[in-house]
Amino acid sequence: RRADTQAIGTSKKRKESSKDWALSSKRKVTINDFKNQMLVNIREYYTKNGKELPGSKGVALNPEQWKALCNVKGEITKAVEALDDSKGPWELPKRKRATVSKYKEMWLVDIRETYIKDGKTLPGRKGISLKAEQWGKLAKHMDDVSAALEDALDEQENQPIAPPKTKAKKVKGKMGDGDAEENSED
């Protein structure tokens, strides 16, 4: 069992080697493997029982979305520096987008999932709004994050693929027989 887990490159080994870059005391960028897909997470964290855990505020970008965000870094940075929310939005693949806006005297870079309603693309609930200084830190770390993502993808590509696990399913017997287990390989 342990060999299967290591063979597909998941869990403990990956979590221990995941890198992170701080954007603030509670927010950071991490690269991790979720269901065998490498993701760049820009997320807020909280502490519970002395352990740092990911919160619901944040966004996970696949490599294609991360590359698209990196490609518009200069445009977003210029809009933030010019205090100009008329630029953008910057559409990222697979229903994600970045925008620059002003909220309560703060300039924010919003990276968020979107959905379509009545032909309009609208911001969804999943995402994160970064203050200008947090965006600046993210922009500064983008090359390092991209290099680490490439390394993680190369490492993942070189992992042998384990055969899929089969699950036993319960089958209801006739009255009085109780439940019987049946192997799904039959």
Protein backbone atom coordinates (compact mmCIF):
# COMPACT_ATOMS: atom_id res chain seq x y z
CA ARG A 1 0.00 0.00 0.00
CA ARG A 2 2.74 2.44 0.89
CA ALA A 3 4.52 1.78 -2.40
CA ASP A 4 1.35 2.62 -4.34
CA THR A 5 1.06 5.99 -2.61
CA GLN A 6 4.68 6.89 -3.35
CA ALA A 7 4.47 5.57 -6.92
CA ILE A 8 1.80 8.06 -7.94
CA GLY A 9 3.61 10.95 -6.26
CA THR A 10 0.91 12.05 -3.87
CA SER A 11 0.40 12.77 -0.21
CA LYS A 12 3.15 13.01 2.35
CA LYS A 13 6.18 13.26 0.07
CA ARG A 14 4.60 16.04 -2.03
CA LYS A 15 3.20 18.00 0.93
CA GLU A 16 6.54 18.00 2.71
CA SER A 17 8.31 19.31 -0.39
CA SER A 18 5.71 21.94 -1.33
CA LYS A 19 7.08 25.45 -1.46
CA ASP A 20 5.33 28.60 -0.41
CA TRP A 21 5.82 32.33 -0.84
CA ALA A 22 4.35 34.74 1.70
CA LEU A 23 2.18 37.61 0.48
CA SER A 24 1.22 38.69 4.01
CA SER A 25 1.07 37.14 7.47
CA LYS A 26 -2.06 35.17 6.48
CA ARG A 27 -1.80 34.87 2.70
CA LYS A 28 0.61 32.89 0.60
CA VAL A 29 1.19 31.17 -2.71
CA THR A 30 1.79 27.44 -2.72
CA ILE A 31 2.28 24.75 -5.33
CA ASN A 32 0.65 21.45 -4.57
CA ASP A 33 -0.66 18.30 -6.12
CA PHE A 34 -4.43 17.85 -5.89
CA LYS A 35 -5.86 14.66 -7.38
CA ASN A 36 -2.69 14.26 -9.43
CA GLN A 37 -2.90 17.77 -10.93
CA MET A 38 -0.36 20.44 -10.04
CA LEU A 39 -1.97 23.69 -8.91
CA VAL A 40 -0.75 27.13 -7.88
CA ASN A 41 -2.82 28.18 -4.86
CA ILE A 42 -3.14 31.84 -3.89
CA ARG A 43 -4.88 31.50 -0.58
CA GLU A 44 -5.57 32.87 2.89
CA TYR A 45 -4.56 30.59 5.79
CA TYR A 46 -5.74 30.35 9.38
CA THR A 47 -4.34 28.66 12.49
CA LYS A 48 -6.24 25.97 14.36
CA ASN A 49 -4.73 24.02 17.27
CA GLY A 50 -1.30 25.38 16.36
CA LYS A 51 -1.54 24.11 12.78
CA GLU A 52 -1.73 26.35 9.71
CA LEU A 53 -4.64 25.37 7.44
CA PRO A 54 -5.89 26.68 4.08
CA GLY A 55 -9.03 28.80 4.25
CA SER A 56 -11.87 29.15 1.79
CA LYS A 57 -10.68 32.54 0.52
CA GLY A 58 -8.43 31.81 -2.39
CA VAL A 59 -8.06 30.51 -5.88
CA ALA A 60 -6.34 27.48 -7.39
CA LEU A 61 -4.83 27.95 -10.84
CA ASN A 62 -3.80 25.11 -13.12
CA PRO A 63 -0.52 25.57 -15.06
CA GLU A 64 -2.31 27.04 -18.09
CA GLN A 65 -4.13 29.62 -15.95
CA TRP A 66 -0.96 30.46 -14.01
CA LYS A 67 0.96 31.06 -17.26
CA ALA A 68 -1.85 33.32 -18.52
CA LEU A 69 -1.73 35.33 -15.27
CA CYS A 70 2.06 35.64 -15.58
CA ASN A 71 1.64 36.88 -19.17
CA VAL A 72 -0.56 39.80 -18.03
CA LYS A 73 1.50 40.63 -14.91
CA GLY A 74 2.91 43.79 -16.50
CA GLU A 75 -0.50 45.11 -17.57
CA ILE A 76 -2.02 44.45 -14.14
CA THR A 77 0.95 46.04 -12.36
CA LYS A 78 0.70 49.15 -14.57
CA ALA A 79 -3.03 49.45 -13.80
CA VAL A 80 -2.38 49.14 -10.05
CA GLU A 81 0.47 51.67 -10.13
CA ALA A 82 -1.61 54.12 -12.21
CA LEU A 83 -4.63 53.60 -9.91
CA ASP A 84 -6.62 52.83 -13.05
CA ASP A 85 -9.53 50.41 -12.87
CA SER A 86 -10.56 51.03 -16.49
CA LYS A 87 -8.04 48.43 -17.71
CA GLY A 88 -8.95 44.77 -17.90
CA PRO A 89 -10.55 42.46 -17.10
CA TRP A 90 -7.87 39.96 -18.02
CA GLU A 91 -9.52 36.69 -18.95
CA LEU A 92 -7.69 33.55 -17.89
CA PRO A 93 -8.50 30.10 -19.32
CA LYS A 94 -11.35 28.00 -17.97
CA ARG A 95 -13.56 30.65 -16.39
CA LYS A 96 -11.05 32.60 -14.34
CA ARG A 97 -10.26 36.30 -14.59
CA ALA A 98 -8.17 39.04 -13.01
CA THR A 99 -9.44 42.58 -12.45
CA VAL A 100 -8.18 45.76 -10.80
CA SER A 101 -10.63 47.77 -8.71
CA LYS A 102 -10.89 50.27 -5.90
CA TYR A 103 -12.79 49.28 -2.76
CA LYS A 104 -12.98 51.49 0.35
CA GLU A 105 -9.92 53.52 -0.69
CA MET A 106 -7.89 50.33 -1.34
CA TRP A 107 -6.70 49.19 -4.75
CA LEU A 108 -7.21 45.48 -5.24
CA VAL A 109 -6.28 42.82 -7.76
CA ASP A 110 -9.10 40.31 -7.83
CA ILE A 111 -8.38 36.81 -9.16
CA ARG A 112 -11.63 34.90 -9.32
CA GLU A 113 -13.70 32.19 -10.95
CA THR A 114 -16.50 33.45 -13.17
CA TYR A 115 -19.86 32.18 -14.35
CA ILE A 116 -22.18 33.19 -17.18
CA LYS A 117 -25.71 34.44 -16.52
CA ASP A 118 -27.96 35.97 -19.18
CA GLY A 119 -24.99 36.13 -21.55
CA LYS A 120 -22.85 38.14 -19.10
CA THR A 121 -19.67 36.91 -17.43
CA LEU A 122 -19.95 37.59 -13.70
CA PRO A 123 -17.55 37.10 -10.78
CA GLY A 124 -18.15 33.99 -8.70
CA ARG A 125 -17.60 33.37 -4.99
CA LYS A 126 -14.35 31.44 -5.34
CA GLY A 127 -11.37 33.76 -5.53
CA ILE A 128 -9.20 36.20 -3.68
CA SER A 129 -8.71 39.98 -3.63
CA LEU A 130 -5.10 41.04 -3.14
CA LYS A 131 -4.13 44.45 -1.84
CA ALA A 132 -1.68 46.34 -4.06
CA GLU A 133 1.31 45.39 -1.88
CA GLN A 134 0.25 41.70 -1.90
CA TRP A 135 -0.03 41.81 -5.70
CA GLY A 136 3.44 43.39 -5.79
CA LYS A 137 4.86 40.48 -3.78
CA LEU A 138 3.09 37.95 -5.99
CA ALA A 139 4.42 39.66 -9.14
CA LYS A 140 7.93 39.68 -7.63
CA HIS A 141 7.75 35.93 -6.93
CA MET A 142 6.17 34.88 -10.23
CA ASP A 143 9.43 33.73 -11.84
CA ASP A 144 10.33 31.62 -8.78
CA VAL A 145 6.82 30.15 -8.58
CA SER A 146 6.89 29.34 -12.31
CA ALA A 147 10.27 27.61 -12.00
CA ALA A 148 9.07 25.58 -9.00
CA LEU A 149 5.88 24.67 -10.89
CA GLU A 150 7.93 23.43 -13.86
CA ASP A 151 10.11 21.36 -11.51
CA ALA A 152 7.02 19.88 -9.84
CA LEU A 153 5.46 19.06 -13.23
CA ASP A 154 8.70 17.39 -14.37
CA GLU A 155 8.84 15.39 -11.14
CA GLN A 156 5.21 14.37 -11.53
CA GLU A 157 5.77 13.34 -15.15
CA ASN A 158 8.64 11.06 -14.11
CA GLN A 159 6.54 9.23 -11.50
CA PRO A 160 5.33 5.76 -12.52
CA ILE A 161 1.57 5.51 -12.76
CA ALA A 162 -0.01 3.06 -10.33
CA PRO A 163 -2.94 0.92 -11.49
CA PRO A 164 -6.34 2.19 -10.35
CA LYS A 165 -7.57 0.74 -7.08
CA THR A 166 -10.72 -1.35 -7.15
CA LYS A 167 -13.40 -0.91 -4.54
CA ALA A 168 -15.64 -3.53 -3.02
CA LYS A 169 -19.29 -2.68 -3.35
CA LYS A 170 -22.12 -3.79 -1.12
CA VAL A 171 -24.87 -5.80 -2.71
CA LYS A 172 -28.20 -6.30 -1.02
CA GLY A 173 -29.09 -9.96 -0.72
CA LYS A 174 -32.53 -11.51 -0.53
CA MET A 175 -34.60 -11.09 2.60
CA GLY A 176 -32.82 -12.51 5.61
CA ASP A 177 -29.44 -12.89 3.81
CA GLY A 178 -28.07 -9.57 5.13
CA ASP A 179 -25.55 -7.59 3.14
CA ALA A 180 -22.97 -9.39 1.04
CA GLU A 181 -19.79 -7.83 -0.35
CA GLU A 182 -18.95 -8.26 -3.98
CA ASN A 183 -15.59 -7.45 -5.56
CA SER A 184 -15.94 -5.01 -8.44
CA GLU A 185 -13.34 -6.87 -10.52
CA ASP A 186 -15.85 -9.70 -11.28
